[in-house]
């Protein structure tokens, strides 16, 4: 399980979540188990601690 350290970084990866870059350049999360699209990041850059698609960190439908 991932934990926030309070120092601007996360320790460990968030499980069952992936992220991808949309055509407009922003990043969006996806729930691996359900396929549901989740929040879109409002600031630049990717989400911290979430695997990028395709990455292979998580197993099929973690």
PDB file of N, CA and C in Angstrom:
ATOM      1  N   UNK A   1       0.841  -1.172   0.000  1.00  0.00           N
ATOM      2  CA  UNK A   1       0.000   0.000   0.000  1.00  0.00           C
ATOM      3  C   UNK A   1       0.888   1.238   0.000  1.00  0.00           C
ATOM      4  N   UNK A   2       0.513   2.222  -0.768  1.00  0.00           N
ATOM      5  CA  UNK A   2       1.258   3.463  -0.843  1.00  0.00           C
ATOM      6  C   UNK A   2       0.909   4.359   0.334  1.00  0.00           C
ATOM      7  N   UNK A   3       1.903   5.101   0.782  1.00  0.00           N
ATOM      8  CA  UNK A   3       1.683   6.035   1.878  1.00  0.00           C
ATOM      9  C   UNK A   3       2.315   7.370   1.532  1.00  0.00           C
ATOM     10  N   UNK A   4       1.633   8.456   1.893  1.00  0.00           N
ATOM     11  CA  UNK A   4       2.202   9.786   1.730  1.00  0.00           C
ATOM     12  C   UNK A   4       3.169  10.023   2.881  1.00  0.00           C
ATOM     13  N   UNK A   5       4.325  10.620   2.582  1.00  0.00           N
ATOM     14  CA  UNK A   5       5.327  10.850   3.616  1.00  0.00           C
ATOM     15  C   UNK A   5       5.183  12.221   4.255  1.00  0.00           C
ATOM     16  N   UNK A   6       4.505  13.143   3.573  1.00  0.00           N
ATOM     17  CA  UNK A   6       4.417  14.506   4.069  1.00  0.00           C
ATOM     18  C   UNK A   6       5.577  15.371   3.600  1.00  0.00           C
ATOM     19  N   UNK A   7       6.502  14.777   2.850  1.00  0.00           N
ATOM     20  CA  UNK A   7       7.663  15.498   2.341  1.00  0.00           C
ATOM     21  C   UNK A   7       7.602  15.690   0.834  1.00  0.00           C
ATOM     22  N   UNK A   8       6.414  15.606   0.251  1.00  0.00           N
ATOM     23  CA  UNK A   8       6.255  15.859  -1.171  1.00  0.00           C
ATOM     24  C   UNK A   8       6.441  14.653  -2.061  1.00  0.00           C
ATOM     25  N   UNK A   9       6.471  13.455  -1.479  1.00  0.00           N
ATOM     26  CA  UNK A   9       6.561  12.258  -2.305  1.00  0.00           C
ATOM     27  C   UNK A   9       5.788  11.133  -1.638  1.00  0.00           C
ATOM     28  N   UNK A  10       5.503  10.102  -2.406  1.00  0.00           N
ATOM     29  CA  UNK A  10       4.743   8.959  -1.930  1.00  0.00           C
ATOM     30  C   UNK A  10       5.672   7.754  -1.882  1.00  0.00           C
ATOM     31  N   UNK A  11       5.550   6.944  -0.851  1.00  0.00           N
ATOM     32  CA  UNK A  11       6.371   5.744  -0.711  1.00  0.00           C
ATOM     33  C   UNK A  11       5.549   4.552  -1.185  1.00  0.00           C
ATOM     34  N   UNK A  12       5.996   3.898  -2.254  1.00  0.00           N
ATOM     35  CA  UNK A  12       5.277   2.754  -2.807  1.00  0.00           C
ATOM     36  C   UNK A  12       4.321   3.188  -3.898  1.00  0.00           C
ATOM     37  N   UNK A  13       3.900   2.242  -4.692  1.00  0.00           N
ATOM     38  CA  UNK A  13       2.978   2.519  -5.793  1.00  0.00           C
ATOM     39  C   UNK A  13       1.548   2.267  -5.356  1.00  0.00           C
ATOM     40  N   UNK A  14       0.635   3.012  -5.932  1.00  0.00           N
ATOM     41  CA  UNK A  14      -0.782   2.807  -5.683  1.00  0.00           C
ATOM     42  C   UNK A  14      -1.210   1.590  -6.498  1.00  0.00           C
ATOM     43  N   UNK A  15      -1.847   0.603  -5.876  1.00  0.00           N
ATOM     44  CA  UNK A  15      -2.233  -0.605  -6.588  1.00  0.00           C
ATOM     45  C   UNK A  15      -3.580  -0.432  -7.271  1.00  0.00           C
ATOM     46  N   UNK A  16      -3.775  -1.168  -8.340  1.00  0.00           N
ATOM     47  CA  UNK A  16      -5.029  -1.211  -9.109  1.00  0.00           C
ATOM     48  C   UNK A  16      -5.384   0.122  -9.734  1.00  0.00           C
ATOM     49  N   UNK A  17      -4.395   0.987  -9.945  1.00  0.00           N
ATOM     50  CA  UNK A  17      -4.606   2.262 -10.620  1.00  0.00           C
ATOM     51  C   UNK A  17      -3.517   2.439 -11.665  1.00  0.00           C
ATOM     52  N   UNK A  18      -3.872   2.954 -12.801  1.00  0.00           N
ATOM     53  CA  UNK A  18      -2.896   3.322 -13.814  1.00  0.00           C
ATOM     54  C   UNK A  18      -3.236   4.719 -14.286  1.00  0.00           C
ATOM     55  N   UNK A  19      -2.321   5.317 -15.023  1.00  0.00           N
ATOM     56  CA  UNK A  19      -2.583   6.639 -15.585  1.00  0.00           C
ATOM     57  C   UNK A  19      -2.108   6.665 -17.029  1.00  0.00           C
ATOM     58  N   UNK A  20      -2.711   7.539 -17.788  1.00  0.00           N
ATOM     59  CA  UNK A  20      -2.320   7.704 -19.178  1.00  0.00           C
ATOM     60  C   UNK A  20      -2.408   9.172 -19.529  1.00  0.00           C
ATOM     61  N   UNK A  21      -1.677   9.562 -20.576  1.00  0.00           N
ATOM     62  CA  UNK A  21      -1.697  10.943 -21.017  1.00  0.00           C
ATOM     63  C   UNK A  21      -2.745  11.092 -22.105  1.00  0.00           C
ATOM     64  N   UNK A  22      -3.659  12.022 -21.890  1.00  0.00           N
ATOM     65  CA  UNK A  22      -4.737  12.267 -22.844  1.00  0.00           C
ATOM     66  C   UNK A  22      -4.217  13.062 -24.030  1.00  0.00           C
ATOM     67  N   UNK A  23      -5.021  13.180 -25.069  1.00  0.00           N
ATOM     68  CA  UNK A  23      -4.597  13.902 -26.267  1.00  0.00           C
ATOM     69  C   UNK A  23      -4.371  15.383 -25.997  1.00  0.00           C
ATOM     70  N   UNK A  24      -5.011  15.926 -24.949  1.00  0.00           N
ATOM     71  CA  UNK A  24      -4.800  17.341 -24.614  1.00  0.00           C
ATOM     72  C   UNK A  24      -3.565  17.554 -23.738  1.00  0.00           C
ATOM     73  N   UNK A  25      -2.836  16.474 -23.395  1.00  0.00           N
ATOM     74  CA  UNK A  25      -1.598  16.582 -22.645  1.00  0.00           C
ATOM     75  C   UNK A  25      -1.739  16.363 -21.148  1.00  0.00           C
ATOM     76  N   UNK A  26      -2.948  16.383 -20.612  1.00  0.00           N
ATOM     77  CA  UNK A  26      -3.129  16.154 -19.181  1.00  0.00           C
ATOM     78  C   UNK A  26      -3.209  14.650 -18.896  1.00  0.00           C
ATOM     79  N   UNK A  27      -3.005  14.286 -17.633  1.00  0.00           N
ATOM     80  CA  UNK A  27      -3.005  12.881 -17.227  1.00  0.00           C
ATOM     81  C   UNK A  27      -4.325  12.525 -16.569  1.00  0.00           C
ATOM     82  N   UNK A  28      -4.783  11.295 -16.790  1.00  0.00           N
ATOM     83  CA  UNK A  28      -6.026  10.813 -16.202  1.00  0.00           C
ATOM     84  C   UNK A  28      -5.797   9.438 -15.596  1.00  0.00           C
ATOM     85  N   UNK A  29      -6.448   9.173 -14.451  1.00  0.00           N
ATOM     86  CA  UNK A  29      -6.336   7.881 -13.774  1.00  0.00           C
ATOM     87  C   UNK A  29      -7.390   6.916 -14.306  1.00  0.00           C
ATOM     88  N   UNK A  30      -7.056   5.615 -14.246  1.00  0.00           N
ATOM     89  CA  UNK A  30      -7.993   4.567 -14.603  1.00  0.00           C
ATOM     90  C   UNK A  30      -7.950   3.493 -13.508  1.00  0.00           C
ATOM     91  N   UNK A  31      -9.112   3.009 -13.089  1.00  0.00           N
ATOM     92  CA  UNK A  31      -9.205   1.909 -12.135  1.00  0.00           C
ATOM     93  C   UNK A  31      -9.009   0.622 -12.925  1.00  0.00           C
ATOM     94  N   UNK A  32      -7.965  -0.145 -12.593  1.00  0.00           N
ATOM     95  CA  UNK A  32      -7.663  -1.370 -13.348  1.00  0.00           C
ATOM     96  C   UNK A  32      -8.731  -2.438 -13.181  1.00  0.00           C
ATOM     97  N   UNK A  33      -9.341  -2.493 -12.028  1.00  0.00           N
ATOM     98  CA  UNK A  33     -10.315  -3.556 -11.761  1.00  0.00           C
ATOM     99  C   UNK A  33     -11.605  -3.361 -12.532  1.00  0.00           C
ATOM    100  N   UNK A  34     -12.097  -2.132 -12.598  1.00  0.00           N
ATOM    101  CA  UNK A  34     -13.381  -1.879 -13.254  1.00  0.00           C
ATOM    102  C   UNK A  34     -13.235  -1.230 -14.620  1.00  0.00           C
ATOM    103  N   UNK A  35     -12.084  -0.631 -14.908  1.00  0.00           N
ATOM    104  CA  UNK A  35     -11.889   0.086 -16.157  1.00  0.00           C
ATOM    105  C   UNK A  35     -12.439   1.504 -16.120  1.00  0.00           C
ATOM    106  N   UNK A  36     -13.008   1.893 -14.970  1.00  0.00           N
ATOM    107  CA  UNK A  36     -13.625   3.211 -14.833  1.00  0.00           C
ATOM    108  C   UNK A  36     -12.566   4.310 -14.910  1.00  0.00           C
ATOM    109  N   UNK A  37     -12.854   5.356 -15.676  1.00  0.00           N
ATOM    110  CA  UNK A  37     -11.972   6.512 -15.735  1.00  0.00           C
ATOM    111  C   UNK A  37     -12.211   7.363 -14.508  1.00  0.00           C
ATOM    112  N   UNK A  38     -11.128   7.870 -13.946  1.00  0.00           N
ATOM    113  CA  UNK A  38     -11.210   8.633 -12.713  1.00  0.00           C
ATOM    114  C   UNK A  38     -10.787  10.070 -12.985  1.00  0.00           C
ATOM    115  N   UNK A  39     -10.236  10.733 -11.992  1.00  0.00           N
ATOM    116  CA  UNK A  39      -9.947  12.150 -12.097  1.00  0.00           C
ATOM    117  C   UNK A  39      -8.871  12.480 -13.126  1.00  0.00           C
ATOM    118  N   UNK A  40      -8.908  13.728 -13.593  1.00  0.00           N
ATOM    119  CA  UNK A  40      -7.930  14.278 -14.521  1.00  0.00           C
ATOM    120  C   UNK A  40      -7.061  15.243 -13.724  1.00  0.00           C
ATOM    121  N   UNK A  41      -5.763  15.168 -13.903  1.00  0.00           N
ATOM    122  CA  UNK A  41      -4.854  16.037 -13.160  1.00  0.00           C
ATOM    123  C   UNK A  41      -4.926  17.446 -13.728  1.00  0.00           C
ATOM    124  N   UNK A  42      -5.105  18.417 -12.861  1.00  0.00           N
ATOM    125  CA  UNK A  42      -5.271  19.811 -13.276  1.00  0.00           C
ATOM    126  C   UNK A  42      -3.935  20.525 -13.490  1.00  0.00           C
ATOM    127  N   UNK A  43      -2.882  20.102 -12.779  1.00  0.00           N
ATOM    128  CA  UNK A  43      -1.570  20.720 -12.945  1.00  0.00           C
ATOM    129  C   UNK A  43      -0.733  19.881 -13.906  1.00  0.00           C
ATOM    130  N   UNK A  44       0.389  20.432 -14.328  1.00  0.00           N
ATOM    131  CA  UNK A  44       1.218  19.723 -15.313  1.00  0.00           C
ATOM    132  C   UNK A  44       1.918  18.519 -14.679  1.00  0.00           C
ATOM    133  N   UNK A  45       2.279  17.564 -15.507  1.00  0.00           N
ATOM    134  CA  UNK A  45       2.998  16.381 -15.063  1.00  0.00           C
ATOM    135  C   UNK A  45       2.080  15.260 -14.641  1.00  0.00           C
ATOM    136  N   UNK A  46       2.649  14.059 -14.486  1.00  0.00           N
ATOM    137  CA  UNK A  46       1.857  12.887 -14.110  1.00  0.00           C
ATOM    138  C   UNK A  46       1.555  12.847 -12.618  1.00  0.00           C
ATOM    139  N   UNK A  47       0.605  11.966 -12.227  1.00  0.00           N
ATOM    140  CA  UNK A  47       0.308  11.715 -10.823  1.00  0.00           C
ATOM    141  C   UNK A  47       1.509  11.028 -10.182  1.00  0.00           C
ATOM    142  N   UNK A  48       1.735  11.265  -8.900  1.00  0.00           N
ATOM    143  CA  UNK A  48       2.832  10.608  -8.182  1.00  0.00           C
ATOM    144  C   UNK A  48       2.422   9.201  -7.769  1.00  0.00           C
ATOM    145  N   UNK A  49       3.324   8.242  -7.959  1.00  0.00           N
ATOM    146  CA  UNK A  49       3.135   6.900  -7.434  1.00  0.00           C
ATOM    147  C   UNK A  49       2.124   6.040  -8.150  1.00  0.00           C
ATOM    148  N   UNK A  50       1.680   6.444  -9.334  1.00  0.00           N
ATOM    149  CA  UNK A  50       0.705   5.660 -10.089  1.00  0.00           C
ATOM    150  C   UNK A  50       1.355   5.211 -11.390  1.00  0.00           C
ATOM    151  N   UNK A  51       1.267   3.920 -11.694  1.00  0.00           N
ATOM    152  CA  UNK A  51       1.917   3.346 -12.875  1.00  0.00           C
ATOM    153  C   UNK A  51       1.330   3.944 -14.144  1.00  0.00           C
ATOM    154  N   UNK A  52       2.200   4.165 -15.122  1.00  0.00           N
ATOM    155  CA  UNK A  52       1.752   4.660 -16.425  1.00  0.00           C
ATOM    156  C   UNK A  52       1.389   3.472 -17.305  1.00  0.00           C
ATOM    157  N   UNK A  53       0.434   3.665 -18.193  1.00  0.00           N
ATOM    158  CA  UNK A  53       0.008   2.593 -19.111  1.00  0.00           C
ATOM    159  C   UNK A  53       0.854   2.629 -20.369  1.00  0.00           C
ATOM    160  N   UNK A  54       1.148   1.532 -21.004  1.00  0.00           N
ATOM    161  CA  UNK A  54       1.284   0.217 -20.385  1.00  0.00           C
ATOM    162  C   UNK A  54       2.602   0.179 -19.653  1.00  0.00           C
ATOM    163  N   UNK A  55       2.632  -0.434 -18.509  1.00  0.00           N
ATOM    164  CA  UNK A  55       3.823  -0.389 -17.671  1.00  0.00           C
ATOM    165  C   UNK A  55       4.244  -1.771 -17.206  1.00  0.00           C
ATOM    166  N   UNK A  56       3.275  -2.601 -16.795  1.00  0.00           N
ATOM    167  CA  UNK A  56       3.600  -3.928 -16.358  1.00  0.00           C
ATOM    168  C   UNK A  56       3.894  -4.044 -14.871  1.00  0.00           C
ATOM    169  N   UNK A  57       3.826  -2.924 -14.131  1.00  0.00           N
ATOM    170  CA  UNK A  57       4.065  -3.009 -12.692  1.00  0.00           C
ATOM    171  C   UNK A  57       2.990  -3.820 -12.003  1.00  0.00           C
ATOM    172  N   UNK A  58       1.741  -3.541 -12.346  1.00  0.00           N
ATOM    173  CA  UNK A  58       0.626  -4.286 -11.756  1.00  0.00           C
ATOM    174  C   UNK A  58       0.290  -5.470 -12.646  1.00  0.00           C
ATOM    175  N   UNK A  59      -0.281  -6.503 -12.055  1.00  0.00           N
ATOM    176  CA  UNK A  59      -0.694  -7.664 -12.814  1.00  0.00           C
ATOM    177  C   UNK A  59      -2.026  -7.378 -13.514  1.00  0.00           C
ATOM    178  N   UNK A  60      -2.490  -8.323 -14.311  1.00  0.00           N
ATOM    179  CA  UNK A  60      -3.780  -8.152 -14.989  1.00  0.00           C
ATOM    180  C   UNK A  60      -4.868  -7.906 -13.965  1.00  0.00           C
ATOM    181  N   UNK A  61      -5.516  -6.787 -14.078  1.00  0.00           N
ATOM    182  CA  UNK A  61      -6.647  -6.422 -13.207  1.00  0.00           C
ATOM    183  C   UNK A  61      -6.329  -6.595 -11.737  1.00  0.00           C
ATOM    184  N   UNK A  62      -5.277  -5.969 -11.273  1.00  0.00           N
ATOM    185  CA  UNK A  62      -4.782  -6.074  -9.890  1.00  0.00           C
ATOM    186  C   UNK A  62      -5.888  -6.013  -8.863  1.00  0.00           C
TER     187      UNK A  62
END
